[in-house]
Amino acid sequence: MPKLVNPFIHAGRVQGRIEGLEQGRLEGTRQFALHLMLRKFPSIPKTATSLLRRLDESQLLAFGDALISLDSASACLAWLRKARQ
């Protein structure tokens, strides 16, 4: 005999999985951006790390594009500060 499943519980589980995947993708993107920033600017102040961790997904993608042309740790820090305004 098939097991009865409450459709609301099932929908909640599915939604939870989707949100977990999205959060995981965002955290992976954040970690990769942090890795690249620290490779390019090893002596950047810790403030940059905390600013980067507050960026949303679209801001992280924009940061990745900007990071290619940023030429100093101070320019990178300025970009991150401006993105949070």
PDB file of N, CA and C in Angstrom:
ATOM      1  N   MET A   1       0.836  -1.175   0.000  1.00  0.00           N
ATOM      2  CA  MET A   1       0.000   0.000   0.000  1.00  0.00           C
ATOM      3  C   MET A   1       0.890   1.250   0.000  1.00  0.00           C
ATOM      4  N   PRO A   2       0.619   2.241  -0.873  1.00  0.00           N
ATOM      5  CA  PRO A   2       1.458   3.441  -0.938  1.00  0.00           C
ATOM      6  C   PRO A   2       1.360   4.258   0.350  1.00  0.00           C
ATOM      7  N   LYS A   3       2.465   4.872   0.647  1.00  0.00           N
ATOM      8  CA  LYS A   3       2.545   5.712   1.839  1.00  0.00           C
ATOM      9  C   LYS A   3       1.895   7.071   1.535  1.00  0.00           C
ATOM     10  N   LEU A   4       1.040   7.545   2.427  1.00  0.00           N
ATOM     11  CA  LEU A   4       0.417   8.843   2.250  1.00  0.00           C
ATOM     12  C   LEU A   4       1.402   9.940   2.630  1.00  0.00           C
ATOM     13  N   VAL A   5       1.475  10.954   1.786  1.00  0.00           N
ATOM     14  CA  VAL A   5       2.390  12.061   2.023  1.00  0.00           C
ATOM     15  C   VAL A   5       1.587  13.343   2.089  1.00  0.00           C
ATOM     16  N   ASN A   6       1.813  14.100   3.135  1.00  0.00           N
ATOM     17  CA  ASN A   6       1.159  15.393   3.253  1.00  0.00           C
ATOM     18  C   ASN A   6       1.761  16.320   2.201  1.00  0.00           C
ATOM     19  N   PRO A   7       0.959  16.858   1.284  1.00  0.00           N
ATOM     20  CA  PRO A   7       1.515  17.683   0.199  1.00  0.00           C
ATOM     21  C   PRO A   7       2.200  18.955   0.719  1.00  0.00           C
ATOM     22  N   PHE A   8       1.761  19.468   1.852  1.00  0.00           N
ATOM     23  CA  PHE A   8       2.375  20.674   2.397  1.00  0.00           C
ATOM     24  C   PHE A   8       3.770  20.374   2.953  1.00  0.00           C
ATOM     25  N   ILE A   9       3.908  19.233   3.596  1.00  0.00           N
ATOM     26  CA  ILE A   9       5.217  18.829   4.115  1.00  0.00           C
ATOM     27  C   ILE A   9       6.164  18.557   2.953  1.00  0.00           C
ATOM     28  N   HIS A  10       5.658  17.867   1.936  1.00  0.00           N
ATOM     29  CA  HIS A  10       6.478  17.578   0.754  1.00  0.00           C
ATOM     30  C   HIS A  10       6.935  18.883   0.088  1.00  0.00           C
ATOM     31  N   ALA A  11       6.015  19.823  -0.092  1.00  0.00           N
ATOM     32  CA  ALA A  11       6.360  21.106  -0.717  1.00  0.00           C
ATOM     33  C   ALA A  11       7.394  21.847   0.123  1.00  0.00           C
ATOM     34  N   GLY A  12       7.263  21.784   1.440  1.00  0.00           N
ATOM     35  CA  GLY A  12       8.235  22.433   2.319  1.00  0.00           C
ATOM     36  C   GLY A  12       9.612  21.822   2.190  1.00  0.00           C
ATOM     37  N   ARG A  13       9.661  20.509   2.079  1.00  0.00           N
ATOM     38  CA  ARG A  13      10.952  19.831   1.914  1.00  0.00           C
ATOM     39  C   ARG A  13      11.607  20.210   0.587  1.00  0.00           C
ATOM     40  N   VAL A  14      10.813  20.238  -0.463  1.00  0.00           N
ATOM     41  CA  VAL A  14      11.334  20.608  -1.783  1.00  0.00           C
ATOM     42  C   VAL A  14      11.851  22.042  -1.748  1.00  0.00           C
ATOM     43  N   GLN A  15      11.069  22.943  -1.162  1.00  0.00           N
ATOM     44  CA  GLN A  15      11.484  24.344  -1.067  1.00  0.00           C
ATOM     45  C   GLN A  15      12.763  24.469  -0.248  1.00  0.00           C
ATOM     46  N   GLY A  16      12.864  23.706   0.826  1.00  0.00           N
ATOM     47  CA  GLY A  16      14.073  23.726   1.654  1.00  0.00           C
ATOM     48  C   GLY A  16      15.295  23.267   0.890  1.00  0.00           C
ATOM     49  N   ARG A  17      15.131  22.247   0.068  1.00  0.00           N
ATOM     50  CA  ARG A  17      16.260  21.770  -0.744  1.00  0.00           C
ATOM     51  C   ARG A  17      16.692  22.829  -1.747  1.00  0.00           C
ATOM     52  N   ILE A  18      15.719  23.464  -2.387  1.00  0.00           N
ATOM     53  CA  ILE A  18      16.024  24.508  -3.375  1.00  0.00           C
ATOM     54  C   ILE A  18      16.774  25.659  -2.706  1.00  0.00           C
ATOM     55  N   GLU A  19      16.269  26.114  -1.559  1.00  0.00           N
ATOM     56  CA  GLU A  19      16.922  27.205  -0.848  1.00  0.00           C
ATOM     57  C   GLU A  19      18.321  26.806  -0.397  1.00  0.00           C
ATOM     58  N   GLY A  20      18.495  25.569   0.021  1.00  0.00           N
ATOM     59  CA  GLY A  20      19.816  25.087   0.422  1.00  0.00           C
ATOM     60  C   GLY A  20      20.794  25.087  -0.735  1.00  0.00           C
ATOM     61  N   LEU A  21      20.335  24.677  -1.912  1.00  0.00           N
ATOM     62  CA  LEU A  21      21.193  24.683  -3.095  1.00  0.00           C
ATOM     63  C   LEU A  21      21.580  26.103  -3.483  1.00  0.00           C
ATOM     64  N   GLU A  22      20.613  27.013  -3.428  1.00  0.00           N
ATOM     65  CA  GLU A  22      20.890  28.410  -3.770  1.00  0.00           C
ATOM     66  C   GLU A  22      21.886  29.019  -2.786  1.00  0.00           C
ATOM     67  N   GLN A  23      21.701  28.739  -1.507  1.00  0.00           N
ATOM     68  CA  GLN A  23      22.616  29.256  -0.489  1.00  0.00           C
ATOM     69  C   GLN A  23      24.011  28.670  -0.682  1.00  0.00           C
ATOM     70  N   GLY A  24      24.084  27.399  -1.032  1.00  0.00           N
ATOM     71  CA  GLY A  24      25.372  26.765  -1.287  1.00  0.00           C
ATOM     72  C   GLY A  24      26.080  27.359  -2.487  1.00  0.00           C
ATOM     73  N   ARG A  25      25.333  27.644  -3.532  1.00  0.00           N
ATOM     74  CA  ARG A  25      25.913  28.262  -4.728  1.00  0.00           C
ATOM     75  C   ARG A  25      26.448  29.659  -4.398  1.00  0.00           C
ATOM     76  N   LEU A  26      25.673  30.426  -3.639  1.00  0.00           N
ATOM     77  CA  LEU A  26      26.101  31.768  -3.250  1.00  0.00           C
ATOM     78  C   LEU A  26      27.372  31.702  -2.412  1.00  0.00           C
ATOM     79  N   GLU A  27      27.421  30.789  -1.465  1.00  0.00           N
ATOM     80  CA  GLU A  27      28.604  30.666  -0.611  1.00  0.00           C
ATOM     81  C   GLU A  27      29.821  30.226  -1.422  1.00  0.00           C
ATOM     82  N   GLY A  28      29.621  29.343  -2.394  1.00  0.00           N
ATOM     83  CA  GLY A  28      30.725  28.929  -3.258  1.00  0.00           C
ATOM     84  C   GLY A  28      31.249  30.082  -4.095  1.00  0.00           C
ATOM     85  N   THR A  29      30.345  30.886  -4.626  1.00  0.00           N
ATOM     86  CA  THR A  29      30.738  32.065  -5.404  1.00  0.00           C
ATOM     87  C   THR A  29      31.503  33.037  -4.522  1.00  0.00           C
ATOM     88  N   ARG A  30      31.015  33.224  -3.310  1.00  0.00           N
ATOM     89  CA  ARG A  30      31.657  34.126  -2.345  1.00  0.00           C
ATOM     90  C   ARG A  30      33.073  33.635  -2.012  1.00  0.00           C
ATOM     91  N   GLN A  31      33.231  32.346  -1.760  1.00  0.00           N
ATOM     92  CA  GLN A  31      34.545  31.787  -1.431  1.00  0.00           C
ATOM     93  C   GLN A  31      35.518  31.923  -2.596  1.00  0.00           C
ATOM     94  N   PHE A  32      35.016  31.731  -3.813  1.00  0.00           N
ATOM     95  CA  PHE A  32      35.876  31.852  -4.990  1.00  0.00           C
ATOM     96  C   PHE A  32      36.326  33.299  -5.180  1.00  0.00           C
ATOM     97  N   ALA A  33      35.405  34.251  -5.013  1.00  0.00           N
ATOM     98  CA  ALA A  33      35.751  35.671  -5.135  1.00  0.00           C
ATOM     99  C   ALA A  33      36.774  36.061  -4.070  1.00  0.00           C
ATOM    100  N   LEU A  34      36.585  35.567  -2.868  1.00  0.00           N
ATOM    101  CA  LEU A  34      37.517  35.844  -1.780  1.00  0.00           C
ATOM    102  C   LEU A  34      38.901  35.275  -2.107  1.00  0.00           C
ATOM    103  N   HIS A  35      38.925  34.073  -2.607  1.00  0.00           N
ATOM    104  CA  HIS A  35      40.194  33.430  -2.992  1.00  0.00           C
ATOM    105  C   HIS A  35      40.935  34.267  -4.037  1.00  0.00           C
ATOM    106  N   LEU A  36      40.211  34.694  -5.080  1.00  0.00           N
ATOM    107  CA  LEU A  36      40.850  35.481  -6.139  1.00  0.00           C
ATOM    108  C   LEU A  36      41.345  36.826  -5.615  1.00  0.00           C
ATOM    109  N   MET A  37      40.534  37.471  -4.764  1.00  0.00           N
ATOM    110  CA  MET A  37      40.929  38.767  -4.210  1.00  0.00           C
ATOM    111  C   MET A  37      42.218  38.627  -3.393  1.00  0.00           C
ATOM    112  N   LEU A  38      42.280  37.597  -2.556  1.00  0.00           N
ATOM    113  CA  LEU A  38      43.464  37.406  -1.717  1.00  0.00           C
ATOM    114  C   LEU A  38      44.686  36.974  -2.513  1.00  0.00           C
ATOM    115  N   ARG A  39      44.474  36.295  -3.622  1.00  0.00           N
ATOM    116  CA  ARG A  39      45.604  35.940  -4.502  1.00  0.00           C
ATOM    117  C   ARG A  39      46.167  37.186  -5.167  1.00  0.00           C
ATOM    118  N   LYS A  40      45.277  38.079  -5.592  1.00  0.00           N
ATOM    119  CA  LYS A  40      45.713  39.285  -6.292  1.00  0.00           C
ATOM    120  C   LYS A  40      46.274  40.328  -5.321  1.00  0.00           C
ATOM    121  N   PHE A  41      45.634  40.463  -4.159  1.00  0.00           N
ATOM    122  CA  PHE A  41      46.040  41.462  -3.166  1.00  0.00           C
ATOM    123  C   PHE A  41      46.240  40.783  -1.807  1.00  0.00           C
ATOM    124  N   PRO A  42      47.355  40.086  -1.615  1.00  0.00           N
ATOM    125  CA  PRO A  42      47.553  39.329  -0.374  1.00  0.00           C
ATOM    126  C   PRO A  42      47.573  40.196   0.887  1.00  0.00           C
ATOM    127  N   SER A  43      47.932  41.463   0.761  1.00  0.00           N
ATOM    128  CA  SER A  43      48.039  42.311   1.944  1.00  0.00           C
ATOM    129  C   SER A  43      46.815  43.213   2.139  1.00  0.00           C
ATOM    130  N   ILE A  44      45.727  42.903   1.451  1.00  0.00           N
ATOM    131  CA  ILE A  44      44.526  43.728   1.583  1.00  0.00           C
ATOM    132  C   ILE A  44      44.007  43.657   3.025  1.00  0.00           C
ATOM    133  N   PRO A  45      43.516  44.770   3.573  1.00  0.00           N
ATOM    134  CA  PRO A  45      43.017  44.754   4.955  1.00  0.00           C
ATOM    135  C   PRO A  45      41.849  43.776   5.143  1.00  0.00           C
ATOM    136  N   LYS A  46      41.722  43.265   6.363  1.00  0.00           N
ATOM    137  CA  LYS A  46      40.641  42.325   6.697  1.00  0.00           C
ATOM    138  C   LYS A  46      39.262  42.934   6.463  1.00  0.00           C
ATOM    139  N   THR A  47      39.188  44.258   6.469  1.00  0.00           N
ATOM    140  CA  THR A  47      37.918  44.943   6.201  1.00  0.00           C
ATOM    141  C   THR A  47      37.340  44.503   4.857  1.00  0.00           C
ATOM    142  N   ALA A  48      38.220  44.279   3.883  1.00  0.00           N
ATOM    143  CA  ALA A  48      37.768  43.874   2.552  1.00  0.00           C
ATOM    144  C   ALA A  48      37.042  42.537   2.603  1.00  0.00           C
ATOM    145  N   THR A  49      37.554  41.626   3.419  1.00  0.00           N
ATOM    146  CA  THR A  49      36.926  40.311   3.545  1.00  0.00           C
ATOM    147  C   THR A  49      35.507  40.434   4.078  1.00  0.00           C
ATOM    148  N   SER A  50      35.327  41.239   5.118  1.00  0.00           N
ATOM    149  CA  SER A  50      33.977  41.380   5.679  1.00  0.00           C
ATOM    150  C   SER A  50      33.049  42.093   4.711  1.00  0.00           C
ATOM    151  N   LEU A  51      33.561  43.057   3.948  1.00  0.00           N
ATOM    152  CA  LEU A  51      32.726  43.729   2.949  1.00  0.00           C
ATOM    153  C   LEU A  51      32.315  42.758   1.846  1.00  0.00           C
ATOM    154  N   LEU A  52      33.269  41.947   1.405  1.00  0.00           N
ATOM    155  CA  LEU A  52      32.982  40.980   0.345  1.00  0.00           C
ATOM    156  C   LEU A  52      31.922  39.978   0.796  1.00  0.00           C
ATOM    157  N   ARG A  53      31.978  39.549   2.042  1.00  0.00           N
ATOM    158  CA  ARG A  53      31.026  38.559   2.551  1.00  0.00           C
ATOM    159  C   ARG A  53      29.589  39.083   2.600  1.00  0.00           C
ATOM    160  N   ARG A  54      29.415  40.392   2.530  1.00  0.00           N
ATOM    161  CA  ARG A  54      28.070  40.976   2.561  1.00  0.00           C
ATOM    162  C   ARG A  54      27.474  41.196   1.175  1.00  0.00           C
ATOM    163  N   LEU A  55      28.232  40.919   0.123  1.00  0.00           N
ATOM    164  CA  LEU A  55      27.720  41.128  -1.236  1.00  0.00           C
ATOM    165  C   LEU A  55      26.724  40.042  -1.610  1.00  0.00           C
ATOM    166  N   ASP A  56      25.703  40.441  -2.362  1.00  0.00           N
ATOM    167  CA  ASP A  56      24.754  39.448  -2.875  1.00  0.00           C
ATOM    168  C   ASP A  56      25.320  38.864  -4.177  1.00  0.00           C
ATOM    169  N   GLU A  57      24.570  37.971  -4.772  1.00  0.00           N
ATOM    170  CA  GLU A  57      25.093  37.249  -5.944  1.00  0.00           C
ATOM    171  C   GLU A  57      25.427  38.174  -7.115  1.00  0.00           C
ATOM    172  N   SER A  58      24.553  39.100  -7.437  1.00  0.00           N
ATOM    173  CA  SER A  58      24.825  39.992  -8.574  1.00  0.00           C
ATOM    174  C   SER A  58      26.015  40.901  -8.284  1.00  0.00           C
ATOM    175  N   GLN A  59      26.165  41.344  -7.042  1.00  0.00           N
ATOM    176  CA  GLN A  59      27.311  42.167  -6.674  1.00  0.00           C
ATOM    177  C   GLN A  59      28.601  41.357  -6.735  1.00  0.00           C
ATOM    178  N   LEU A  60      28.543  40.091  -6.346  1.00  0.00           N
ATOM    179  CA  LEU A  60      29.731  39.236  -6.429  1.00  0.00           C
ATOM    180  C   LEU A  60      30.179  39.045  -7.868  1.00  0.00           C
ATOM    181  N   LEU A  61      29.223  38.872  -8.773  1.00  0.00           N
ATOM    182  CA  LEU A  61      29.580  38.725 -10.189  1.00  0.00           C
ATOM    183  C   LEU A  61      30.187  40.008 -10.730  1.00  0.00           C
ATOM    184  N   ALA A  62      29.624  41.155 -10.337  1.00  0.00           N
ATOM    185  CA  ALA A  62      30.181  42.447 -10.751  1.00  0.00           C
ATOM    186  C   ALA A  62      31.590  42.628 -10.172  1.00  0.00           C
ATOM    187  N   PHE A  63      31.778  42.190  -8.933  1.00  0.00           N
ATOM    188  CA  PHE A  63      33.101  42.281  -8.307  1.00  0.00           C
ATOM    189  C   PHE A  63      34.110  41.438  -9.082  1.00  0.00           C
ATOM    190  N   GLY A  64      33.713  40.250  -9.485  1.00  0.00           N
ATOM    191  CA  GLY A  64      34.606  39.402 -10.270  1.00  0.00           C
ATOM    192  C   GLY A  64      35.043  40.079 -11.554  1.00  0.00           C
ATOM    193  N   ASP A  65      34.106  40.744 -12.223  1.00  0.00           N
ATOM    194  CA  ASP A  65      34.456  41.491 -13.437  1.00  0.00           C
ATOM    195  C   ASP A  65      35.399  42.646 -13.122  1.00  0.00           C
ATOM    196  N   ALA A  66      35.102  43.373 -12.042  1.00  0.00           N
ATOM    197  CA  ALA A  66      35.922  44.527 -11.669  1.00  0.00           C
ATOM    198  C   ALA A  66      37.310  44.109 -11.215  1.00  0.00           C
ATOM    199  N   LEU A  67      37.400  42.974 -10.555  1.00  0.00           N
ATOM    200  CA  LEU A  67      38.679  42.517 -10.001  1.00  0.00           C
ATOM    201  C   LEU A  67      39.744  42.369 -11.082  1.00  0.00           C
ATOM    202  N   ILE A  68      39.324  42.055 -12.280  1.00  0.00           N
ATOM    203  CA  ILE A  68      40.265  41.900 -13.391  1.00  0.00           C
ATOM    204  C   ILE A  68      41.026  43.195 -13.640  1.00  0.00           C
ATOM    205  N   SER A  69      40.336  44.323 -13.542  1.00  0.00           N
ATOM    206  CA  SER A  69      40.977  45.594 -13.879  1.00  0.00           C
ATOM    207  C   SER A  69      41.458  46.401 -12.672  1.00  0.00           C
ATOM    208  N   LEU A  70      41.091  45.999 -11.460  1.00  0.00           N
ATOM    209  CA  LEU A  70      41.565  46.719 -10.283  1.00  0.00           C
ATOM    210  C   LEU A  70      43.065  46.531 -10.148  1.00  0.00           C
ATOM    211  N   ASP A  71      43.779  47.644  -9.902  1.00  0.00           N
ATOM    212  CA  ASP A  71      45.240  47.560  -9.897  1.00  0.00           C
ATOM    213  C   ASP A  71      45.890  47.722  -8.529  1.00  0.00           C
ATOM    214  N   SER A  72      45.088  47.895  -7.482  1.00  0.00           N
ATOM    215  CA  SER A  72      45.681  48.023  -6.151  1.00  0.00           C
ATOM    216  C   SER A  72      44.688  47.567  -5.087  1.00  0.00           C
ATOM    217  N   ALA A  73      45.226  47.245  -3.921  1.00  0.00           N
ATOM    218  CA  ALA A  73      44.374  46.839  -2.806  1.00  0.00           C
ATOM    219  C   ALA A  73      43.459  47.977  -2.394  1.00  0.00           C
ATOM    220  N   SER A  74      43.950  49.214  -2.453  1.00  0.00           N
ATOM    221  CA  SER A  74      43.112  50.350  -2.067  1.00  0.00           C
ATOM    222  C   SER A  74      41.964  50.549  -3.059  1.00  0.00           C
ATOM    223  N   ALA A  75      42.208  50.329  -4.347  1.00  0.00           N
ATOM    224  CA  ALA A  75      41.138  50.428  -5.339  1.00  0.00           C
ATOM    225  C   ALA A  75      40.103  49.322  -5.118  1.00  0.00           C
ATOM    226  N   CYS A  76      40.581  48.151  -4.757  1.00  0.00           N
ATOM    227  CA  CYS A  76      39.681  47.028  -4.478  1.00  0.00           C
ATOM    228  C   CYS A  76      38.810  47.337  -3.263  1.00  0.00           C
ATOM    229  N   LEU A  77      39.419  47.842  -2.217  1.00  0.00           N
ATOM    230  CA  LEU A  77      38.688  48.202  -1.006  1.00  0.00           C
ATOM    231  C   LEU A  77      37.666  49.297  -1.299  1.00  0.00           C
ATOM    232  N   ALA A  78      38.040  50.268  -2.102  1.00  0.00           N
ATOM    233  CA  ALA A  78      37.112  51.345  -2.475  1.00  0.00           C
ATOM    234  C   ALA A  78      35.925  50.783  -3.257  1.00  0.00           C
ATOM    235  N   TRP A  79      36.184  49.833  -4.163  1.00  0.00           N
ATOM    236  CA  TRP A  79      35.095  49.229  -4.936  1.00  0.00           C
ATOM    237  C   TRP A  79      34.125  48.519  -4.000  1.00  0.00           C
ATOM    238  N   LEU A  80      34.650  47.749  -3.073  1.00  0.00           N
ATOM    239  CA  LEU A  80      33.807  47.014  -2.134  1.00  0.00           C
ATOM    240  C   LEU A  80      32.981  47.958  -1.254  1.00  0.00           C
ATOM    241  N   ARG A  81      33.589  49.042  -0.802  1.00  0.00           N
ATOM    242  CA  ARG A  81      32.847  50.012   0.014  1.00  0.00           C
ATOM    243  C   ARG A  81      31.718  50.653  -0.792  1.00  0.00           C
ATOM    244  N   LYS A  82      32.016  50.992  -2.029  1.00  0.00           N
ATOM    245  CA  LYS A  82      30.995  51.621  -2.878  1.00  0.00           C
ATOM    246  C   LYS A  82      29.846  50.656  -3.174  1.00  0.00           C
ATOM    247  N   ALA A  83      30.154  49.382  -3.346  1.00  0.00           N
ATOM    248  CA  ALA A  83      29.132  48.383  -3.659  1.00  0.00           C
ATOM    249  C   ALA A  83      28.149  48.222  -2.503  1.00  0.00           C
ATOM    250  N   ARG A  84      28.573  48.476  -1.289  1.00  0.00           N
ATOM    251  CA  ARG A  84      27.712  48.312  -0.111  1.00  0.00           C
ATOM    252  C   ARG A  84      26.837  49.526   0.168  1.00  0.00           C
ATOM    253  N   GLN A  85      26.992  50.607  -0.595  1.00  0.00           N
ATOM    254  CA  GLN A  85      26.166  51.807  -0.363  1.00  0.00           C
ATOM    255  C   GLN A  85      24.822  51.684  -1.003  1.00  0.00           C
TER     256      GLN A  85
END
